[in-house]
Amino acid sequence: MIWPKKDPHSVFTPRAASVNKEMYVDRSDLEARLGELVRGSKHIIIHGESGNGKTWLYKKVFAEERTPYATVNLANASRFGSIEKAISEKIKKTKGNEKALSQIVVQTEARVTPAGVGASINNQKIYEVVEQDSLLALMMLVRAKGGRRPGLIVFDNFETVLESDALISELANMLVLLDDDDYAEYGVKICIVGVPAEIRDYITKLSSVQTLSNRMVELPEVARLTGDEADLLVKKGLMELLGLEIDTISEAFTRIQWSTDRIAQYLHELGLEVALIAQKNNEVVNSDVIERAEGRWFETSISAVRQIVDTNLNARETKAGRRNQVIYALGCIKTEDFKYSDVEAVVRQEFPDSTEGVELNIIQRLGELEKGTHPIVKRVPKGDAYRVINPKVKIAIRVMLRKVNGRVEKVPFIS
């Protein structure tokens, strides 16, 4: 069968702002739950590791629910030192708002002057109103887009304000403020999107309102793709849309999964490299094509986190090299969260000669890797599990380290 062929850049779109409908992998449970939360009364929290598809998920669901929304990047709040300032800048730079902004001035003036009598509608007046209460102005804009349907203001990239108690406190105050009649009448809620699993805890601990936690509800974590989902994405892109031939499908899919750790963004990035190289290889994907694609992708995507791995490796030669064995084991673990016993099992399996009948003190080793300027693991907030600090760090471990004669060595190609 001949599949229609496309440009690889239109198929694999790792940083596309809009949802790639042809390559989107359905997550029915998460989508259904988010739809329920959109229709509910509480503010929404969406969390998950970077690259797992949080943005595409909420954009798809909001489109299906016909939910009006506006997105504010909290990285701008960090840059400006104020969420209000980030909102006002967002409003000013959004095209097509002129008519709605003029109506905002009329409504705002009406709070002081009946029916807005005497309101002079010009750009200066519009921006004065926006500066006075940018949150209210943005809520009015969202409402103007959506008629009677519930609306949302999305505060994305929460992790960028983690170091600022002032900005988190400002966000908490906005959540409380939305219960005020002047704001509640617009039917617009807040949706907070970010990496940390404990977003609600960060916010509530900086608020004097004890019931604030009850006003927010969390969507289950947007995790990396399952094996079947990852295979579906790769097959759809390489075979169905690009019409490429794959020598050994199961081996190719397994290797791509391992290299990307099933992170949606990384699957798109590596998939693009594979497709571009395969097009120059008679449109055939084989092990050599994948290896070359991995090399190009590793150099551009993994180099930034190499220092984290390098810093934690034990440069001093020891008899067993236990610390390095533990780091190597972290790369072997397939699950996102793991316990010290999981790490110990991998270390004993991979390095039997140096571990038989020996106490490994894995908890101590993990504690060491949790500290310092470049920690390699972090505790999961609830429970006794751990997680590698960043998905790319786990991939870097897999790329940078290999096992040679029972010892861990760095791969020369990446050093």
Protein backbone atom coordinates (compact mmCIF):
# COMPACT_ATOMS: atom_id res chain seq x y z
CA MET A 1 0.00 0.00 0.00
CA ILE A 2 1.28 3.48 -0.89
CA TRP A 3 0.86 6.06 1.84
CA PRO A 4 0.64 9.78 1.09
CA LYS A 5 4.01 11.39 1.74
CA LYS A 6 4.58 14.64 3.58
CA ASP A 7 7.37 16.92 4.72
CA PRO A 8 8.90 15.47 7.93
CA HIS A 9 8.80 18.93 9.50
CA SER A 10 5.00 18.97 9.17
CA VAL A 11 4.67 15.48 10.67
CA PHE A 12 7.06 15.60 13.61
CA THR A 13 6.43 18.96 15.29
CA PRO A 14 8.05 18.91 18.75
CA ARG A 15 7.60 22.60 19.53
CA ALA A 16 4.44 23.47 17.62
CA ALA A 17 2.19 25.93 19.45
CA SER A 18 -0.97 24.43 17.97
CA VAL A 19 -2.06 20.81 18.32
CA ASN A 20 -0.81 18.53 15.53
CA LYS A 21 -4.09 16.68 15.02
CA GLU A 22 -2.63 13.98 12.78
CA MET A 23 0.07 13.09 15.31
CA TYR A 24 -1.80 13.69 18.54
CA VAL A 25 -2.05 10.54 20.68
CA ASP A 26 -5.41 10.31 22.41
CA ARG A 27 -5.40 10.04 26.18
CA SER A 28 -9.04 9.28 26.73
CA ASP A 29 -9.02 9.08 30.54
CA LEU A 30 -7.15 12.36 31.02
CA GLU A 31 -9.18 14.11 28.33
CA ALA A 32 -12.49 12.97 29.81
CA ARG A 33 -11.47 14.02 33.31
CA LEU A 34 -10.21 17.43 32.18
CA GLY A 35 -13.49 17.98 30.35
CA GLU A 36 -15.33 17.33 33.62
CA LEU A 37 -13.09 19.75 35.50
CA VAL A 38 -13.63 22.45 32.88
CA ARG A 39 -17.37 22.16 33.42
CA GLY A 40 -16.93 22.15 37.20
CA SER A 41 -16.62 25.05 39.61
CA LYS A 42 -13.06 24.67 40.91
CA HIS A 43 -9.77 26.04 39.63
CA ILE A 44 -7.71 23.43 37.80
CA ILE A 45 -4.11 22.25 38.22
CA ILE A 46 -2.37 20.34 35.41
CA HIS A 47 1.08 18.93 36.14
CA GLY A 48 3.59 16.63 34.53
CA GLU A 49 7.22 16.51 33.45
CA SER A 50 8.34 18.82 30.67
CA GLY A 51 7.67 17.38 27.23
CA ASN A 52 4.87 15.03 28.27
CA GLY A 53 2.20 16.90 26.30
CA LYS A 54 0.39 19.05 28.88
CA THR A 55 -0.12 21.96 26.49
CA TRP A 56 -1.47 19.90 23.60
CA LEU A 57 -3.73 18.06 26.04
CA TYR A 58 -5.45 21.14 27.43
CA LYS A 59 -5.64 22.85 24.04
CA LYS A 60 -7.34 19.81 22.53
CA VAL A 61 -9.84 19.48 25.36
CA PHE A 62 -10.59 23.21 25.49
CA ALA A 63 -11.25 23.18 21.74
CA GLU A 64 -13.60 20.21 22.03
CA GLU A 65 -15.41 21.80 24.97
CA ARG A 66 -15.50 25.13 23.09
CA THR A 67 -13.95 26.68 26.18
CA PRO A 68 -12.79 30.30 25.79
CA TYR A 69 -9.39 30.83 27.39
CA ALA A 70 -6.32 33.02 27.46
CA THR A 71 -2.81 31.82 28.32
CA VAL A 72 -0.36 33.81 30.41
CA ASN A 73 3.23 32.57 30.45
CA LEU A 74 4.50 32.80 34.03
CA ALA A 75 8.03 33.07 32.66
CA ASN A 76 7.04 36.63 31.76
CA ALA A 77 5.81 37.21 35.30
CA SER A 78 9.24 36.14 36.52
CA ARG A 79 10.84 38.48 33.99
CA PHE A 80 8.64 41.46 34.92
CA GLY A 81 8.49 40.66 38.63
CA SER A 82 4.69 40.79 38.56
CA ILE A 83 1.86 38.57 37.29
CA GLU A 84 -0.34 41.67 36.84
CA LYS A 85 2.31 43.15 34.56
CA ALA A 86 2.57 39.92 32.57
CA ILE A 87 -1.20 39.94 32.09
CA SER A 88 -1.33 43.57 30.97
CA GLU A 89 1.49 42.96 28.47
CA LYS A 90 -0.36 39.90 27.20
CA ILE A 91 -3.49 41.98 26.60
CA LYS A 92 -1.67 44.77 24.82
CA LYS A 93 0.14 42.40 22.45
CA THR A 94 -2.89 40.31 21.53
CA LYS A 95 -4.23 41.33 18.15
CA GLY A 96 -7.94 41.67 17.44
CA ASN A 97 -8.84 42.84 20.95
CA GLU A 98 -9.70 46.43 20.05
CA LYS A 99 -13.48 46.08 20.02
CA ALA A 100 -13.56 43.97 23.17
CA LEU A 101 -11.14 46.32 24.95
CA SER A 102 -13.34 49.29 24.09
CA GLN A 103 -16.28 47.49 25.65
CA ILE A 104 -14.17 46.84 28.75
CA VAL A 105 -13.64 50.58 29.13
CA VAL A 106 -17.41 51.16 28.91
CA GLN A 107 -18.11 48.47 31.52
CA THR A 108 -15.36 49.69 33.81
CA GLU A 109 -16.43 53.31 33.57
CA ALA A 110 -20.01 52.24 34.27
CA ARG A 111 -18.94 51.12 37.72
CA VAL A 112 -18.17 54.76 38.46
CA THR A 113 -20.33 56.68 35.99
CA PRO A 114 -23.79 55.22 35.21
CA ALA A 115 -23.92 53.73 31.68
CA GLY A 116 -20.36 54.88 31.09
CA VAL A 117 -21.45 58.43 30.40
CA GLY A 118 -18.48 60.60 29.53
CA ALA A 119 -16.14 57.69 28.81
CA SER A 120 -13.69 58.63 26.09
CA ILE A 121 -12.74 55.46 24.18
CA ASN A 122 -9.16 55.74 22.93
CA ASN A 123 -6.00 53.68 23.19
CA GLN A 124 -4.70 55.67 26.13
CA LYS A 125 -7.94 55.14 28.05
CA ILE A 126 -7.97 51.46 27.15
CA TYR A 127 -4.46 50.90 28.48
CA GLU A 128 -5.20 52.92 31.61
CA VAL A 129 -8.08 50.56 32.38
CA VAL A 130 -5.95 47.51 31.63
CA GLU A 131 -3.17 48.73 33.92
CA GLN A 132 -5.65 49.44 36.75
CA ASP A 133 -6.91 45.84 36.87
CA SER A 134 -5.36 43.62 34.22
CA LEU A 135 -6.88 40.44 35.71
CA LEU A 136 -10.40 41.83 35.40
CA ALA A 137 -9.66 43.09 31.90
CA LEU A 138 -8.42 39.65 30.80
CA MET A 139 -11.49 37.99 32.32
CA MET A 140 -13.68 40.36 30.31
CA LEU A 141 -11.77 39.46 27.14
CA VAL A 142 -12.21 35.75 27.79
CA ARG A 143 -15.90 36.27 28.44
CA ALA A 144 -16.25 38.28 25.21
CA LYS A 145 -14.81 35.31 23.29
CA GLY A 146 -17.04 32.67 24.82
CA GLY A 147 -20.53 33.95 25.31
CA ARG A 148 -22.11 32.01 28.18
CA ARG A 149 -19.63 29.14 28.22
CA PRO A 150 -17.29 28.80 31.25
CA GLY A 151 -13.93 30.43 30.56
CA LEU A 152 -10.37 29.95 31.80
CA ILE A 153 -7.21 31.93 32.31
CA VAL A 154 -4.29 29.53 31.95
CA PHE A 155 -1.13 30.33 33.89
CA ASP A 156 1.49 28.14 32.22
CA ASN A 157 5.06 27.24 33.26
CA PHE A 158 4.47 27.44 37.01
CA GLU A 159 7.98 26.07 37.58
CA THR A 160 9.44 29.42 36.46
CA VAL A 161 8.11 31.19 39.59
CA LEU A 162 9.08 28.54 42.14
CA GLU A 163 11.89 30.69 43.54
CA SER A 164 9.60 33.69 44.13
CA ASP A 165 7.32 33.60 47.14
CA ALA A 166 6.03 37.02 46.08
CA LEU A 167 4.80 35.79 42.69
CA ILE A 168 3.27 32.61 44.12
CA SER A 169 1.54 34.74 46.78
CA GLU A 170 0.25 37.05 44.05
CA LEU A 171 -1.19 34.06 42.20
CA ALA A 172 -2.80 32.80 45.42
CA ASN A 173 -4.43 36.19 45.95
CA MET A 174 -5.86 36.06 42.43
CA LEU A 175 -7.41 32.67 43.17
CA VAL A 176 -9.07 34.14 46.26
CA LEU A 177 -10.12 37.29 44.41
CA LEU A 178 -12.10 35.35 41.84
CA ASP A 179 -14.71 34.59 44.51
CA ASP A 180 -15.43 38.33 44.77
CA ASP A 181 -18.72 39.30 43.11
CA ASP A 182 -17.05 41.77 40.74
CA TYR A 183 -14.95 38.93 39.31
CA ALA A 184 -17.21 35.93 39.81
CA GLU A 185 -19.91 37.39 37.56
CA TYR A 186 -17.71 36.66 34.50
CA GLY A 187 -17.60 32.92 35.08
CA VAL A 188 -13.87 32.62 34.44
CA LYS A 189 -11.68 30.23 36.42
CA ILE A 190 -7.93 29.80 36.65
CA CYS A 191 -5.99 26.82 35.29
CA ILE A 192 -2.39 26.43 36.50
CA VAL A 193 -0.01 24.31 34.41
CA GLY A 194 3.48 23.25 35.40
CA VAL A 195 6.01 20.55 36.17
CA PRO A 196 5.87 20.17 39.99
CA ALA A 197 3.50 17.61 41.43
CA GLU A 198 2.98 19.77 44.53
CA ILE A 199 1.68 22.97 42.87
CA ARG A 200 -1.28 23.17 45.24
CA ASP A 201 1.02 22.92 48.26
CA TYR A 202 3.26 25.73 46.98
CA ILE A 203 0.25 28.02 46.61
CA THR A 204 -1.65 27.21 49.79
CA LYS A 205 1.34 27.56 52.10
CA LEU A 206 1.71 31.20 51.01
CA SER A 207 -1.97 32.09 51.41
CA SER A 208 -3.66 33.24 54.60
CA VAL A 209 -6.95 31.74 53.38
CA GLN A 210 -7.21 28.31 54.95
CA THR A 211 -9.82 27.02 52.50
CA LEU A 212 -7.87 27.90 49.36
CA SER A 213 -6.79 24.29 48.85
CA ASN A 214 -10.44 23.25 48.58
CA ARG A 215 -10.96 25.67 45.69
CA MET A 216 -8.48 23.83 43.46
CA VAL A 217 -8.60 20.36 41.92
CA GLU A 218 -5.73 18.46 40.29
CA LEU A 219 -5.86 16.52 37.07
CA PRO A 220 -3.97 13.20 37.41
CA GLU A 221 -0.37 13.58 36.29
CA VAL A 222 0.22 13.96 32.57
CA ALA A 223 2.85 11.24 32.41
CA ARG A 224 5.01 9.99 29.59
CA LEU A 225 3.36 7.86 26.92
CA THR A 226 2.78 4.15 27.39
CA GLY A 227 4.70 1.75 25.19
CA ASP A 228 1.70 1.24 22.91
CA GLU A 229 1.11 5.00 22.66
CA ALA A 230 4.76 5.63 21.78
CA ASP A 231 4.69 2.91 19.12
CA LEU A 232 1.50 4.40 17.67
CA LEU A 233 3.10 7.83 17.38
CA VAL A 234 6.25 6.50 15.68
CA LYS A 235 4.32 4.23 13.32
CA LYS A 236 1.90 6.98 12.34
CA GLY A 237 4.70 9.43 11.60
CA LEU A 238 7.35 7.29 9.92
CA MET A 239 5.24 4.70 8.14
CA GLU A 240 1.76 6.07 7.53
CA LEU A 241 2.36 9.76 6.92
CA LEU A 242 5.91 9.67 5.50
CA GLY A 243 5.71 6.26 3.82
CA LEU A 244 9.11 5.12 5.08
CA GLU A 245 10.09 1.45 5.18
CA ILE A 246 11.39 0.08 8.49
CA ASP A 247 13.71 -2.93 8.36
CA THR A 248 12.81 -4.51 11.70
CA ILE A 249 9.82 -2.73 13.16
CA SER A 250 9.83 -4.16 16.68
CA GLU A 251 13.56 -3.53 17.17
CA ALA A 252 13.31 0.00 15.78
CA PHE A 253 10.36 0.89 17.99
CA THR A 254 12.03 -0.58 21.08
CA ARG A 255 15.22 1.38 20.45
CA ILE A 256 13.39 4.68 19.86
CA GLN A 257 11.36 4.16 23.04
CA TRP A 258 14.53 3.52 25.04
CA SER A 259 16.35 6.55 23.65
CA THR A 260 13.46 8.96 24.27
CA ASP A 261 12.08 7.40 27.48
CA ARG A 262 8.65 7.68 25.79
CA ILE A 263 8.52 11.45 26.31
CA ALA A 264 6.18 12.82 23.63
CA GLN A 265 8.33 15.83 22.73
CA TYR A 266 11.48 13.70 22.48
CA LEU A 267 9.69 11.16 20.28
CA HIS A 268 8.88 14.01 17.91
CA GLU A 269 12.46 15.33 18.02
CA LEU A 270 14.12 11.96 17.39
CA GLY A 271 11.42 10.96 14.89
CA LEU A 272 12.21 14.04 12.84
CA GLU A 273 15.93 13.21 12.76
CA VAL A 274 15.19 9.61 11.76
CA ALA A 275 12.89 10.74 8.97
CA LEU A 276 15.33 13.28 7.54
CA ILE A 277 18.18 10.77 7.43
CA ALA A 278 15.97 7.96 6.10
CA GLN A 279 14.87 10.11 3.17
CA LYS A 280 18.51 10.13 2.04
CA ASN A 281 18.77 6.38 2.60
CA ASN A 282 16.29 5.29 -0.08
CA GLU A 283 13.49 5.99 2.41
CA VAL A 284 14.51 3.03 4.55
CA VAL A 285 14.87 3.12 8.35
CA ASN A 286 17.47 0.66 9.62
CA SER A 287 19.73 0.44 12.66
CA ASP A 288 22.37 2.64 11.04
CA VAL A 289 19.81 5.37 10.31
CA ILE A 290 18.54 5.28 13.90
CA GLU A 291 22.08 5.38 15.29
CA ARG A 292 22.97 8.41 13.18
CA ALA A 293 19.71 10.11 14.13
CA GLU A 294 20.37 9.44 17.81
CA GLY A 295 23.83 10.96 17.50
CA ARG A 296 22.47 14.16 15.98
CA TRP A 297 19.64 14.39 18.49
CA PHE A 298 21.85 13.66 21.51
CA GLU A 299 24.30 16.38 20.53
CA THR A 300 21.56 19.02 20.21
CA SER A 301 19.19 17.96 22.98
CA ILE A 302 21.18 16.16 25.68
CA SER A 303 24.36 18.24 25.82
CA ALA A 304 22.78 20.76 28.21
CA VAL A 305 22.36 18.15 30.97
CA ARG A 306 25.67 16.34 30.56
CA GLN A 307 27.18 18.42 33.34
CA ILE A 308 24.63 17.05 35.81
CA VAL A 309 25.74 13.50 35.10
CA ASP A 310 29.44 14.42 34.98
CA THR A 311 29.26 16.23 38.32
CA ASN A 312 27.74 13.24 40.06
CA LEU A 313 30.05 10.57 38.69
CA ASN A 314 32.75 9.46 41.09
CA ALA A 315 35.99 10.35 39.33
CA ARG A 316 38.08 8.70 42.05
CA GLU A 317 38.79 5.05 41.26
CA THR A 318 37.24 2.74 43.85
CA LYS A 319 37.14 -1.01 44.01
CA ALA A 320 33.45 -1.35 43.20
CA GLY A 321 32.58 2.13 41.89
CA ARG A 322 29.27 1.85 43.73
CA ARG A 323 28.15 5.43 43.18
CA ASN A 324 28.63 5.08 39.43
CA GLN A 325 26.82 1.74 39.48
CA VAL A 326 23.83 3.42 41.10
CA ILE A 327 23.81 6.19 38.49
CA TYR A 328 24.03 3.60 35.72
CA ALA A 329 21.10 1.73 37.32
CA LEU A 330 18.99 4.90 37.26
CA GLY A 331 19.25 4.86 33.48
CA CYS A 332 18.18 1.21 33.35
CA ILE A 333 14.97 1.70 35.33
CA LYS A 334 11.97 1.86 33.02
CA THR A 335 9.41 3.31 35.42
CA GLU A 336 9.09 7.02 36.14
CA ASP A 337 9.00 6.60 39.93
CA PHE A 338 11.10 4.02 41.77
CA LYS A 339 12.09 2.96 45.26
CA TYR A 340 15.57 2.27 46.62
CA SER A 341 14.79 -1.46 46.41
CA ASP A 342 14.26 -1.12 42.65
CA VAL A 343 17.67 0.50 42.28
CA GLU A 344 19.30 -2.18 44.41
CA ALA A 345 17.74 -4.93 42.30
CA VAL A 346 19.17 -3.40 39.11
CA VAL A 347 22.63 -2.88 40.64
CA ARG A 348 22.78 -6.50 41.81
CA GLN A 349 21.56 -7.78 38.44
CA GLU A 350 23.97 -5.68 36.37
CA PHE A 351 27.01 -6.04 38.64
CA PRO A 352 26.77 -9.47 40.30
CA ASP A 353 30.52 -9.97 40.89
CA SER A 354 30.91 -6.86 43.08
CA THR A 355 27.57 -7.07 44.90
CA GLU A 356 27.18 -10.68 45.99
CA GLY A 357 26.87 -10.88 49.77
CA VAL A 358 27.61 -7.14 50.15
CA GLU A 359 25.53 -4.44 51.86
CA LEU A 360 24.99 -1.77 49.17
CA ASN A 361 23.60 1.16 51.21
CA ILE A 362 21.47 2.32 48.28
CA ILE A 363 19.47 4.74 50.45
CA GLN A 364 22.68 6.52 51.39
CA ARG A 365 23.77 6.70 47.75
CA LEU A 366 20.43 8.12 46.65
CA GLY A 367 20.61 10.65 49.47
CA GLU A 368 23.97 11.84 48.14
CA LEU A 369 22.59 12.11 44.61
CA GLU A 370 19.68 14.16 45.94
CA LYS A 371 21.96 16.91 47.25
CA GLY A 372 24.45 19.41 45.86
CA THR A 373 24.28 22.04 43.15
CA HIS A 374 23.42 19.45 40.49
CA PRO A 375 21.13 16.84 42.10
CA ILE A 376 20.37 13.85 39.94
CA VAL A 377 17.30 12.49 41.77
CA LYS A 378 14.44 13.98 43.75
CA ARG A 379 11.90 12.62 46.19
CA VAL A 380 8.32 12.14 45.06
CA PRO A 381 6.24 14.43 47.35
CA LYS A 382 3.93 11.69 48.57
CA GLY A 383 5.40 8.36 49.56
CA ASP A 384 8.93 6.98 49.71
CA ALA A 385 9.67 6.91 45.99
CA TYR A 386 12.27 8.78 43.94
CA ARG A 387 12.38 10.19 40.44
CA VAL A 388 15.27 11.29 38.21
CA ILE A 389 15.40 15.11 38.44
CA ASN A 390 14.71 15.60 34.74
CA PRO A 391 13.73 13.15 31.96
CA LYS A 392 16.70 14.29 29.86
CA VAL A 393 19.05 13.38 32.69
CA LYS A 394 17.89 9.76 32.53
CA ILE A 395 18.40 9.77 28.76
CA ALA A 396 21.84 11.33 29.21
CA ILE A 397 22.79 8.52 31.63
CA ARG A 398 21.78 5.96 29.01
CA VAL A 399 23.79 7.74 26.32
CA MET A 400 26.88 8.63 28.35
CA LEU A 401 27.50 5.43 30.35
CA ARG A 402 28.15 1.83 29.45
CA LYS A 403 29.10 -1.30 31.32
CA VAL A 404 32.54 -2.72 30.51
CA ASN A 405 33.91 -5.78 32.35
CA GLY A 406 31.70 -5.12 35.35
CA ARG A 407 32.60 -1.43 35.63
CA VAL A 408 30.87 1.75 34.52
CA GLU A 409 32.65 3.78 31.86
CA LYS A 410 31.79 6.92 29.92
CA VAL A 411 31.07 6.51 26.23
CA PRO A 412 33.84 8.35 24.30
CA PHE A 413 31.44 9.66 21.66
CA ILE A 414 29.56 11.86 24.12
CA SER A 415 32.50 13.07 26.21
